[in-house]
Amino acid sequence: MVTPKINLTIRRGMQHNGRSVIAVFHAGLTEERSHGTRIVVWTVSAVIEPVAWAVVWIASSRTEGGFPLGTSTIITYYLLILLMSRLVSSWTFDALAQDIALGRYGSYLVRPVGVVLYRLGLDLSHKFVAVGALIPLWLAGMGVALHMNMLECEPGRLIYIAGAVFVAMVLRFVMDITVAHVVMWTGRADGVSIVYHAMSRLLGGITVPLVLLPEWAQSFATALPFRFMYSLPVEIAVGFVDAGEMFLGLLGGIVWIAVFVVGGAVIMRMAKMYIDPWEA
């Protein structure tokens, strides 16, 4: 439950647009820290899926001849996927989709920029807590990976990794906002949420590393935005892609950001024709 003081700060963040993003961030951080049990549950649930899939693919590598990935590569890959899933984690889609389903969308149309920046502030506070909760695990895992020479750490590649991580976070945020508007036609948020998150995991390289997919499936997955949200920075870090593919991957993520920004703006403009902002 948000305390009245935090709620007031959040409302001010909505009213004053970008000037209060930091205030909203601090308010969200205070709320996140006040729910220790919830943080533990989130952390455990975040770890379970990558660990489970890592075990599955390690077992496959030991039973199938000619398996393209070794045990150490799989472990490193899923440690990094765990990090990426926390860096791009967001409640923006779920919150917006629920507001649309419950008829509270009008407030987004009154001051759309302010509400987007408000969501951004809360989104950053959630990422801060989600990433921080797993720092000991990542430090230990990355220490082992570096010792085993499983990471590509050339300066040029590190720059691409940083750029790909930034693109991934921005893409997840704008894609969440745009895709949530599908609820305007379905009327329910739960079905859209299940499909959206399932596709993100399958086509983003969480369920299975994309390099293990058949060639036709790899081509299909790399053309969609999910790879740029999750696995691309990991693929760069473990050496799955060369310099040319790194550049094209970064460019592809930027193109998808532009697609969802334009698409979101068009959908919100269309919504104003049918929804009275002052009725919600």
C-alpha atoms as a PDB file:
ATOM      1  CA  MET A   1       0.000   0.000   0.000  1.00  0.00           C
ATOM      2  CA  VAL A   2       1.381   3.431  -0.963  1.00  0.00           C
ATOM      3  CA  THR A   3       1.575   5.793   1.991  1.00  0.00           C
ATOM      4  CA  PRO A   4      -0.141   9.230   1.655  1.00  0.00           C
ATOM      5  CA  LYS A   5       3.222  11.014   1.582  1.00  0.00           C
ATOM      6  CA  ILE A   6       4.539   8.830  -1.239  1.00  0.00           C
ATOM      7  CA  ASN A   7       1.262   9.138  -3.097  1.00  0.00           C
ATOM      8  CA  LEU A   8       1.481  12.935  -2.907  1.00  0.00           C
ATOM      9  CA  THR A   9       5.011  12.862  -4.310  1.00  0.00           C
ATOM     10  CA  ILE A  10       3.865  10.637  -7.150  1.00  0.00           C
ATOM     11  CA  ARG A  11       0.977  12.980  -7.975  1.00  0.00           C
ATOM     12  CA  ARG A  12       3.374  15.906  -8.046  1.00  0.00           C
ATOM     13  CA  GLY A  13       5.582  13.931 -10.420  1.00  0.00           C
ATOM     14  CA  MET A  14       2.601  13.625 -12.753  1.00  0.00           C
ATOM     15  CA  GLN A  15       1.755  17.315 -12.481  1.00  0.00           C
ATOM     16  CA  HIS A  16       5.233  18.729 -13.016  1.00  0.00           C
ATOM     17  CA  ASN A  17       6.325  16.294 -15.728  1.00  0.00           C
ATOM     18  CA  GLY A  18      10.079  15.743 -16.071  1.00  0.00           C
ATOM     19  CA  ARG A  19      11.084  18.025 -13.202  1.00  0.00           C
ATOM     20  CA  SER A  20       9.870  15.501 -10.641  1.00  0.00           C
ATOM     21  CA  VAL A  21      11.072  12.220 -12.145  1.00  0.00           C
ATOM     22  CA  ILE A  22      13.756  12.039  -9.442  1.00  0.00           C
ATOM     23  CA  ALA A  23      11.157  12.679  -6.740  1.00  0.00           C
ATOM     24  CA  VAL A  24       8.978   9.901  -8.166  1.00  0.00           C
ATOM     25  CA  PHE A  25      12.023   7.621  -8.273  1.00  0.00           C
ATOM     26  CA  HIS A  26      12.728   8.229  -4.586  1.00  0.00           C
ATOM     27  CA  ALA A  27       9.060   7.727  -3.709  1.00  0.00           C
ATOM     28  CA  GLY A  28       8.966   4.450  -5.606  1.00  0.00           C
ATOM     29  CA  LEU A  29      12.237   3.348  -4.004  1.00  0.00           C
ATOM     30  CA  THR A  30      10.820   4.016  -0.548  1.00  0.00           C
ATOM     31  CA  GLU A  31       7.732   1.973  -1.375  1.00  0.00           C
ATOM     32  CA  GLU A  32       9.795  -0.902  -2.800  1.00  0.00           C
ATOM     33  CA  ARG A  33      11.987  -1.050   0.303  1.00  0.00           C
ATOM     34  CA  SER A  34       8.965  -1.104   2.590  1.00  0.00           C
ATOM     35  CA  HIS A  35       7.933  -4.491   1.183  1.00  0.00           C
ATOM     36  CA  GLY A  36      10.838  -6.759   2.129  1.00  0.00           C
ATOM     37  CA  THR A  37       8.862  -9.971   1.695  1.00  0.00           C
ATOM     38  CA  ARG A  38       7.750  -8.958  -1.783  1.00  0.00           C
ATOM     39  CA  ILE A  39      11.357  -8.253  -2.779  1.00  0.00           C
ATOM     40  CA  VAL A  40      12.390 -11.722  -1.600  1.00  0.00           C
ATOM     41  CA  VAL A  41       9.565 -13.329  -3.608  1.00  0.00           C
ATOM     42  CA  TRP A  42      10.493 -11.344  -6.732  1.00  0.00           C
ATOM     43  CA  THR A  43      14.156 -12.282  -6.337  1.00  0.00           C
ATOM     44  CA  VAL A  44      13.475 -15.998  -5.923  1.00  0.00           C
ATOM     45  CA  SER A  45      11.024 -16.059  -8.844  1.00  0.00           C
ATOM     46  CA  ALA A  46      13.541 -14.197 -11.024  1.00  0.00           C
ATOM     47  CA  VAL A  47      16.241 -16.772 -10.301  1.00  0.00           C
ATOM     48  CA  ILE A  48      14.145 -19.937 -10.705  1.00  0.00           C
ATOM     49  CA  GLU A  49      13.385 -19.714 -14.436  1.00  0.00           C
ATOM     50  CA  PRO A  50      16.939 -19.046 -15.753  1.00  0.00           C
ATOM     51  CA  VAL A  51      18.374 -21.685 -13.408  1.00  0.00           C
ATOM     52  CA  ALA A  52      15.786 -24.235 -14.542  1.00  0.00           C
ATOM     53  CA  TRP A  53      16.475 -23.622 -18.232  1.00  0.00           C
ATOM     54  CA  ALA A  54      20.238 -23.668 -17.648  1.00  0.00           C
ATOM     55  CA  VAL A  55      19.891 -27.112 -16.046  1.00  0.00           C
ATOM     56  CA  VAL A  56      17.783 -28.313 -18.994  1.00  0.00           C
ATOM     57  CA  TRP A  57      20.321 -27.211 -21.602  1.00  0.00           C
ATOM     58  CA  ILE A  58      23.312 -28.445 -19.596  1.00  0.00           C
ATOM     59  CA  ALA A  59      21.643 -31.861 -19.411  1.00  0.00           C
ATOM     60  CA  SER A  60      21.004 -31.726 -23.167  1.00  0.00           C
ATOM     61  CA  SER A  61      24.627 -30.825 -23.876  1.00  0.00           C
ATOM     62  CA  ARG A  62      25.786 -33.921 -22.008  1.00  0.00           C
ATOM     63  CA  THR A  63      23.409 -36.345 -23.689  1.00  0.00           C
ATOM     64  CA  GLU A  64      23.453 -35.110 -27.278  1.00  0.00           C
ATOM     65  CA  GLY A  65      26.514 -35.381 -29.476  1.00  0.00           C
ATOM     66  CA  GLY A  66      27.605 -32.240 -31.308  1.00  0.00           C
ATOM     67  CA  PHE A  67      25.709 -29.888 -28.981  1.00  0.00           C
ATOM     68  CA  PRO A  68      26.893 -26.367 -29.943  1.00  0.00           C
ATOM     69  CA  LEU A  69      27.244 -24.991 -26.392  1.00  0.00           C
ATOM     70  CA  GLY A  70      29.377 -26.231 -23.516  1.00  0.00           C
ATOM     71  CA  THR A  71      28.405 -26.264 -19.848  1.00  0.00           C
ATOM     72  CA  SER A  72      30.464 -23.179 -18.926  1.00  0.00           C
ATOM     73  CA  THR A  73      28.998 -21.203 -21.845  1.00  0.00           C
ATOM     74  CA  ILE A  74      25.438 -22.117 -20.843  1.00  0.00           C
ATOM     75  CA  ILE A  75      26.058 -21.098 -17.222  1.00  0.00           C
ATOM     76  CA  THR A  76      27.577 -17.780 -18.275  1.00  0.00           C
ATOM     77  CA  TYR A  77      24.754 -17.151 -20.743  1.00  0.00           C
ATOM     78  CA  TYR A  78      22.030 -17.662 -18.131  1.00  0.00           C
ATOM     79  CA  LEU A  79      23.823 -15.606 -15.484  1.00  0.00           C
ATOM     80  CA  LEU A  80      23.807 -12.729 -17.962  1.00  0.00           C
ATOM     81  CA  ILE A  81      20.213 -13.418 -19.025  1.00  0.00           C
ATOM     82  CA  LEU A  82      19.255 -13.193 -15.348  1.00  0.00           C
ATOM     83  CA  LEU A  83      20.952  -9.802 -15.166  1.00  0.00           C
ATOM     84  CA  MET A  84      19.252  -8.599 -18.344  1.00  0.00           C
ATOM     85  CA  SER A  85      15.827  -9.775 -17.189  1.00  0.00           C
ATOM     86  CA  ARG A  86      16.251  -7.661 -14.039  1.00  0.00           C
ATOM     87  CA  LEU A  87      17.607  -4.633 -15.925  1.00  0.00           C
ATOM     88  CA  VAL A  88      14.612  -4.569 -18.270  1.00  0.00           C
ATOM     89  CA  SER A  89      12.045  -5.682 -15.691  1.00  0.00           C
ATOM     90  CA  SER A  90       9.068  -3.339 -15.622  1.00  0.00           C
ATOM     91  CA  TRP A  91       5.540  -2.995 -14.263  1.00  0.00           C
ATOM     92  CA  THR A  92       4.620  -0.432 -16.934  1.00  0.00           C
ATOM     93  CA  PHE A  93       2.749  -2.864 -19.180  1.00  0.00           C
ATOM     94  CA  ASP A  94       0.781  -4.442 -16.334  1.00  0.00           C
ATOM     95  CA  ALA A  95      -0.127  -1.102 -14.736  1.00  0.00           C
ATOM     96  CA  LEU A  96      -1.217   0.560 -17.988  1.00  0.00           C
ATOM     97  CA  ALA A  97      -3.080  -2.509 -19.274  1.00  0.00           C
ATOM     98  CA  GLN A  98      -4.974  -2.760 -15.985  1.00  0.00           C
ATOM     99  CA  ASP A  99      -5.859   0.946 -16.045  1.00  0.00           C
ATOM    100  CA  ILE A 100      -7.212   0.605 -19.576  1.00  0.00           C
ATOM    101  CA  ALA A 101      -9.227  -2.503 -18.664  1.00  0.00           C
ATOM    102  CA  LEU A 102     -10.728  -0.737 -15.623  1.00  0.00           C
ATOM    103  CA  GLY A 103     -11.642   2.416 -17.558  1.00  0.00           C
ATOM    104  CA  ARG A 104      -8.992   4.667 -16.003  1.00  0.00           C
ATOM    105  CA  TYR A 105      -7.266   5.498 -19.276  1.00  0.00           C
ATOM    106  CA  GLY A 106      -8.629   9.037 -19.524  1.00  0.00           C
ATOM    107  CA  SER A 107      -6.024  10.383 -17.078  1.00  0.00           C
ATOM    108  CA  TYR A 108      -3.277   9.304 -19.481  1.00  0.00           C
ATOM    109  CA  LEU A 109      -4.776  11.485 -22.199  1.00  0.00           C
ATOM    110  CA  VAL A 110      -4.964  14.633 -20.054  1.00  0.00           C
ATOM    111  CA  ARG A 111      -1.197  14.865 -19.548  1.00  0.00           C
ATOM    112  CA  PRO A 112       0.380  11.969 -21.472  1.00  0.00           C
ATOM    113  CA  VAL A 113       3.979  13.161 -21.129  1.00  0.00           C
ATOM    114  CA  GLY A 114       3.613  13.647 -17.390  1.00  0.00           C
ATOM    115  CA  VAL A 115       2.160  10.186 -16.867  1.00  0.00           C
ATOM    116  CA  VAL A 116       4.828   8.558 -19.047  1.00  0.00           C
ATOM    117  CA  LEU A 117       7.564  10.256 -17.010  1.00  0.00           C
ATOM    118  CA  TYR A 118       5.795   9.253 -13.812  1.00  0.00           C
ATOM    119  CA  ARG A 119       5.834   5.633 -14.967  1.00  0.00           C
ATOM    120  CA  LEU A 120       9.501   6.054 -15.912  1.00  0.00           C
ATOM    121  CA  GLY A 121      10.396   7.190 -12.393  1.00  0.00           C
ATOM    122  CA  LEU A 122       8.664   4.187 -10.830  1.00  0.00           C
ATOM    123  CA  ASP A 123      10.175   1.915 -13.460  1.00  0.00           C
ATOM    124  CA  LEU A 124      13.707   3.036 -12.581  1.00  0.00           C
ATOM    125  CA  SER A 125      13.100   2.530  -8.869  1.00  0.00           C
ATOM    126  CA  HIS A 126      11.893  -1.017  -9.544  1.00  0.00           C
ATOM    127  CA  LYS A 127      14.986  -1.792 -11.651  1.00  0.00           C
ATOM    128  CA  PHE A 128      17.262  -0.399  -8.935  1.00  0.00           C
ATOM    129  CA  VAL A 129      15.827  -2.763  -6.328  1.00  0.00           C
ATOM    130  CA  ALA A 130      15.538  -5.741  -8.711  1.00  0.00           C
ATOM    131  CA  VAL A 131      19.179  -5.481  -9.788  1.00  0.00           C
ATOM    132  CA  GLY A 132      20.546  -4.677  -6.333  1.00  0.00           C
ATOM    133  CA  ALA A 133      18.934  -7.721  -4.733  1.00  0.00           C
ATOM    134  CA  LEU A 134      21.061 -10.044  -6.874  1.00  0.00           C
ATOM    135  CA  ILE A 135      24.419  -8.237  -6.781  1.00  0.00           C
ATOM    136  CA  PRO A 136      26.207 -10.913  -4.660  1.00  0.00           C
ATOM    137  CA  LEU A 137      25.122 -13.655  -7.079  1.00  0.00           C
ATOM    138  CA  TRP A 138      26.274 -11.708 -10.129  1.00  0.00           C
ATOM    139  CA  LEU A 139      29.623 -10.763  -8.623  1.00  0.00           C
ATOM    140  CA  ALA A 140      30.364 -14.385  -7.783  1.00  0.00           C
ATOM    141  CA  GLY A 141      29.150 -15.666 -11.144  1.00  0.00           C
ATOM    142  CA  MET A 142      30.966 -13.062 -13.204  1.00  0.00           C
ATOM    143  CA  GLY A 143      34.147 -13.680 -11.233  1.00  0.00           C
ATOM    144  CA  VAL A 144      34.004 -17.349 -12.193  1.00  0.00           C
ATOM    145  CA  ALA A 145      33.132 -16.517 -15.823  1.00  0.00           C
ATOM    146  CA  LEU A 146      36.080 -14.124 -16.119  1.00  0.00           C
ATOM    147  CA  HIS A 147      38.406 -16.668 -14.535  1.00  0.00           C
ATOM    148  CA  MET A 148      37.297 -19.226 -17.125  1.00  0.00           C
ATOM    149  CA  ASN A 149      37.684 -16.690 -19.964  1.00  0.00           C
ATOM    150  CA  MET A 150      34.016 -17.066 -20.932  1.00  0.00           C
ATOM    151  CA  LEU A 151      33.416 -13.332 -21.498  1.00  0.00           C
ATOM    152  CA  GLU A 152      34.549 -11.154 -24.389  1.00  0.00           C
ATOM    153  CA  CYS A 153      35.939  -7.991 -22.754  1.00  0.00           C
ATOM    154  CA  GLU A 154      37.546  -6.037 -25.598  1.00  0.00           C
ATOM    155  CA  PRO A 155      36.923  -2.259 -25.251  1.00  0.00           C
ATOM    156  CA  GLY A 156      34.969  -2.053 -28.513  1.00  0.00           C
ATOM    157  CA  ARG A 157      32.728  -4.951 -27.512  1.00  0.00           C
ATOM    158  CA  LEU A 158      32.126  -3.428 -24.065  1.00  0.00           C
ATOM    159  CA  ILE A 159      30.896  -0.241 -25.738  1.00  0.00           C
ATOM    160  CA  TYR A 160      28.461  -2.265 -27.832  1.00  0.00           C
ATOM    161  CA  ILE A 161      27.293  -4.125 -24.711  1.00  0.00           C
ATOM    162  CA  ALA A 162      26.607  -0.844 -22.895  1.00  0.00           C
ATOM    163  CA  GLY A 163      24.740   0.511 -25.918  1.00  0.00           C
ATOM    164  CA  ALA A 164      22.720  -2.682 -26.317  1.00  0.00           C
ATOM    165  CA  VAL A 165      21.724  -2.667 -22.620  1.00  0.00           C
ATOM    166  CA  PHE A 166      20.544   0.949 -22.878  1.00  0.00           C
ATOM    167  CA  VAL A 167      18.596   0.205 -26.055  1.00  0.00           C
ATOM    168  CA  ALA A 168      17.041  -2.847 -24.369  1.00  0.00           C
ATOM    169  CA  MET A 169      15.750  -0.821 -21.394  1.00  0.00           C
ATOM    170  CA  VAL A 170      14.329   1.948 -23.582  1.00  0.00           C
ATOM    171  CA  LEU A 171      12.758  -0.575 -25.966  1.00  0.00           C
ATOM    172  CA  ARG A 172      11.070  -2.492 -23.140  1.00  0.00           C
ATOM    173  CA  PHE A 173       9.606   0.733 -21.732  1.00  0.00           C
ATOM    174  CA  VAL A 174       8.164   2.076 -25.005  1.00  0.00           C
ATOM    175  CA  MET A 175       7.029  -1.389 -26.121  1.00  0.00           C
ATOM    176  CA  ASP A 176       5.206  -1.925 -22.820  1.00  0.00           C
ATOM    177  CA  ILE A 177       3.293   1.313 -23.286  1.00  0.00           C
ATOM    178  CA  THR A 178       2.356   0.597 -26.907  1.00  0.00           C
ATOM    179  CA  VAL A 179       1.432  -3.081 -26.535  1.00  0.00           C
ATOM    180  CA  ALA A 180      -0.694  -2.363 -23.451  1.00  0.00           C
ATOM    181  CA  HIS A 181      -3.071  -0.429 -25.712  1.00  0.00           C
ATOM    182  CA  VAL A 182      -4.167  -3.746 -27.243  1.00  0.00           C
ATOM    183  CA  VAL A 183      -6.397  -4.012 -24.155  1.00  0.00           C
ATOM    184  CA  MET A 184      -8.524  -1.228 -25.661  1.00  0.00           C
ATOM    185  CA  TRP A 185      -9.772  -3.830 -28.169  1.00  0.00           C
ATOM    186  CA  THR A 186      -9.668  -7.005 -26.050  1.00  0.00           C
ATOM    187  CA  GLY A 187     -11.210  -5.473 -22.932  1.00  0.00           C
ATOM    188  CA  ARG A 188      -9.154  -7.743 -20.661  1.00  0.00           C
ATOM    189  CA  ALA A 189      -5.573  -7.351 -19.500  1.00  0.00           C
ATOM    190  CA  ASP A 190      -4.767 -10.889 -18.340  1.00  0.00           C
ATOM    191  CA  GLY A 191      -4.882 -12.598 -21.750  1.00  0.00           C
ATOM    192  CA  VAL A 192      -2.741  -9.938 -23.415  1.00  0.00           C
ATOM    193  CA  SER A 193      -0.271 -10.108 -20.521  1.00  0.00           C
ATOM    194  CA  ILE A 194       0.119 -13.893 -20.777  1.00  0.00           C
ATOM    195  CA  VAL A 195       0.768 -13.803 -24.534  1.00  0.00           C
ATOM    196  CA  TYR A 196       3.111 -10.792 -24.320  1.00  0.00           C
ATOM    197  CA  HIS A 197       5.301 -12.193 -21.538  1.00  0.00           C
ATOM    198  CA  ALA A 198       5.347 -15.705 -23.033  1.00  0.00           C
ATOM    199  CA  MET A 199       6.524 -14.369 -26.396  1.00  0.00           C
ATOM    200  CA  SER A 200       9.141 -12.213 -24.652  1.00  0.00           C
ATOM    201  CA  ARG A 201      10.630 -15.248 -22.912  1.00  0.00           C
ATOM    202  CA  LEU A 202      10.500 -17.602 -25.881  1.00  0.00           C
ATOM    203  CA  LEU A 203      11.658 -15.197 -28.599  1.00  0.00           C
ATOM    204  CA  GLY A 204      13.929 -13.138 -26.339  1.00  0.00           C
ATOM    205  CA  GLY A 205      16.337 -15.970 -25.620  1.00  0.00           C
ATOM    206  CA  ILE A 206      15.281 -16.755 -22.037  1.00  0.00           C
ATOM    207  CA  THR A 207      13.572 -20.090 -22.609  1.00  0.00           C
ATOM    208  CA  VAL A 208      16.178 -21.199 -25.141  1.00  0.00           C
ATOM    209  CA  PRO A 209      19.305 -19.423 -26.451  1.00  0.00           C
ATOM    210  CA  LEU A 210      18.498 -18.312 -29.972  1.00  0.00           C
ATOM    211  CA  VAL A 211      21.635 -19.979 -31.321  1.00  0.00           C
ATOM    212  CA  LEU A 212      20.026 -23.350 -30.492  1.00  0.00           C
ATOM    213  CA  LEU A 213      16.959 -22.685 -32.643  1.00  0.00           C
ATOM    214  CA  PRO A 214      16.661 -23.993 -36.216  1.00  0.00           C
ATOM    215  CA  GLU A 215      17.932 -21.537 -38.803  1.00  0.00           C
ATOM    216  CA  TRP A 216      14.434 -20.510 -39.934  1.00  0.00           C
ATOM    217  CA  ALA A 217      13.382 -19.914 -36.322  1.00  0.00           C
ATOM    218  CA  GLN A 218      16.507 -17.849 -35.649  1.00  0.00           C
ATOM    219  CA  SER A 219      15.720 -15.648 -38.647  1.00  0.00           C
ATOM    220  CA  PHE A 220      12.167 -15.186 -37.392  1.00  0.00           C
ATOM    221  CA  ALA A 221      13.244 -14.383 -33.817  1.00  0.00           C
ATOM    222  CA  THR A 222      15.983 -11.944 -34.815  1.00  0.00           C
ATOM    223  CA  ALA A 223      13.504  -9.937 -36.884  1.00  0.00           C
ATOM    224  CA  LEU A 224      11.264  -9.330 -33.835  1.00  0.00           C
ATOM    225  CA  PRO A 225      11.924  -6.844 -31.015  1.00  0.00           C
ATOM    226  CA  PHE A 226      12.197  -9.393 -28.169  1.00  0.00           C
ATOM    227  CA  ARG A 227      15.794 -10.340 -28.927  1.00  0.00           C
ATOM    228  CA  PHE A 228      16.880  -6.720 -28.569  1.00  0.00           C
ATOM    229  CA  MET A 229      15.263  -6.553 -25.112  1.00  0.00           C
ATOM    230  CA  TYR A 230      17.030  -9.583 -23.674  1.00  0.00           C
ATOM    231  CA  SER A 231      19.556 -11.716 -25.485  1.00  0.00           C
ATOM    232  CA  LEU A 232      21.459  -9.322 -27.764  1.00  0.00           C
ATOM    233  CA  PRO A 233      23.689  -7.832 -25.011  1.00  0.00           C
ATOM    234  CA  VAL A 234      24.302 -11.369 -23.735  1.00  0.00           C
ATOM    235  CA  GLU A 235      25.169 -12.648 -27.221  1.00  0.00           C
ATOM    236  CA  ILE A 236      27.707  -9.832 -27.552  1.00  0.00           C
ATOM    237  CA  ALA A 237      29.220 -10.564 -24.127  1.00  0.00           C
ATOM    238  CA  VAL A 238      29.718 -14.288 -24.740  1.00  0.00           C
ATOM    239  CA  GLY A 239      30.917 -13.860 -28.321  1.00  0.00           C
ATOM    240  CA  PHE A 240      27.968 -15.266 -30.257  1.00  0.00           C
ATOM    241  CA  VAL A 241      28.007 -12.337 -32.720  1.00  0.00           C
ATOM    242  CA  ASP A 242      30.761 -10.579 -34.667  1.00  0.00           C
ATOM    243  CA  ALA A 243      31.337  -6.839 -35.144  1.00  0.00           C
ATOM    244  CA  GLY A 244      28.987  -6.514 -38.103  1.00  0.00           C
ATOM    245  CA  GLU A 245      26.186  -8.336 -36.311  1.00  0.00           C
ATOM    246  CA  MET A 246      26.705  -6.161 -33.218  1.00  0.00           C
ATOM    247  CA  PHE A 247      26.205  -2.997 -35.261  1.00  0.00           C
ATOM    248  CA  LEU A 248      23.146  -4.369 -37.059  1.00  0.00           C
ATOM    249  CA  GLY A 249      21.703  -5.564 -33.757  1.00  0.00           C
ATOM    250  CA  LEU A 250      22.094  -2.150 -32.149  1.00  0.00           C
ATOM    251  CA  LEU A 251      20.583  -0.505 -35.218  1.00  0.00           C
ATOM    252  CA  GLY A 252      17.690  -2.969 -35.204  1.00  0.00           C
ATOM    253  CA  GLY A 253      16.887  -2.134 -31.575  1.00  0.00           C
ATOM    254  CA  ILE A 254      16.881   1.587 -32.345  1.00  0.00           C
ATOM    255  CA  VAL A 255      14.556   1.028 -35.310  1.00  0.00           C
ATOM    256  CA  TRP A 256      12.113  -0.900 -33.092  1.00  0.00           C
ATOM    257  CA  ILE A 257      12.195   1.906 -30.521  1.00  0.00           C
ATOM    258  CA  ALA A 258      11.195   4.357 -33.252  1.00  0.00           C
ATOM    259  CA  VAL A 259       8.428   1.994 -34.428  1.00  0.00           C
ATOM    260  CA  PHE A 260       6.884   1.733 -30.961  1.00  0.00           C
ATOM    261  CA  VAL A 261       7.252   5.452 -30.184  1.00  0.00           C
ATOM    262  CA  VAL A 262       5.459   6.379 -33.398  1.00  0.00           C
ATOM    263  CA  GLY A 263       2.930   3.564 -32.974  1.00  0.00           C
ATOM    264  CA  GLY A 264       2.187   4.569 -29.391  1.00  0.00           C
ATOM    265  CA  ALA A 265       1.709   8.207 -30.364  1.00  0.00           C
ATOM    266  CA  VAL A 266      -0.679   7.244 -33.170  1.00  0.00           C
ATOM    267  CA  ILE A 267      -2.726   4.981 -30.891  1.00  0.00           C
ATOM    268  CA  MET A 268      -3.012   7.659 -28.197  1.00  0.00           C
ATOM    269  CA  ARG A 269      -4.116  10.180 -30.810  1.00  0.00           C
ATOM    270  CA  MET A 270      -6.757   7.709 -32.001  1.00  0.00           C
ATOM    271  CA  ALA A 271      -7.888   7.133 -28.426  1.00  0.00           C
ATOM    272  CA  LYS A 272      -8.599  10.838 -27.944  1.00  0.00           C
ATOM    273  CA  MET A 273     -11.243  10.579 -30.676  1.00  0.00           C
ATOM    274  CA  TYR A 274     -13.258   8.032 -28.680  1.00  0.00           C
ATOM    275  CA  ILE A 275     -12.435   8.696 -25.016  1.00  0.00           C
ATOM    276  CA  ASP A 276     -13.225  11.837 -23.018  1.00  0.00           C
ATOM    277  CA  PRO A 277     -10.112  12.381 -20.840  1.00  0.00           C
ATOM    278  CA  TRP A 278     -12.147  14.230 -18.200  1.00  0.00           C
ATOM    279  CA  GLU A 279     -14.590  11.382 -17.648  1.00  0.00           C
ATOM    280  CA  ALA A 280     -11.939   9.127 -16.000  1.00  0.00           C
END
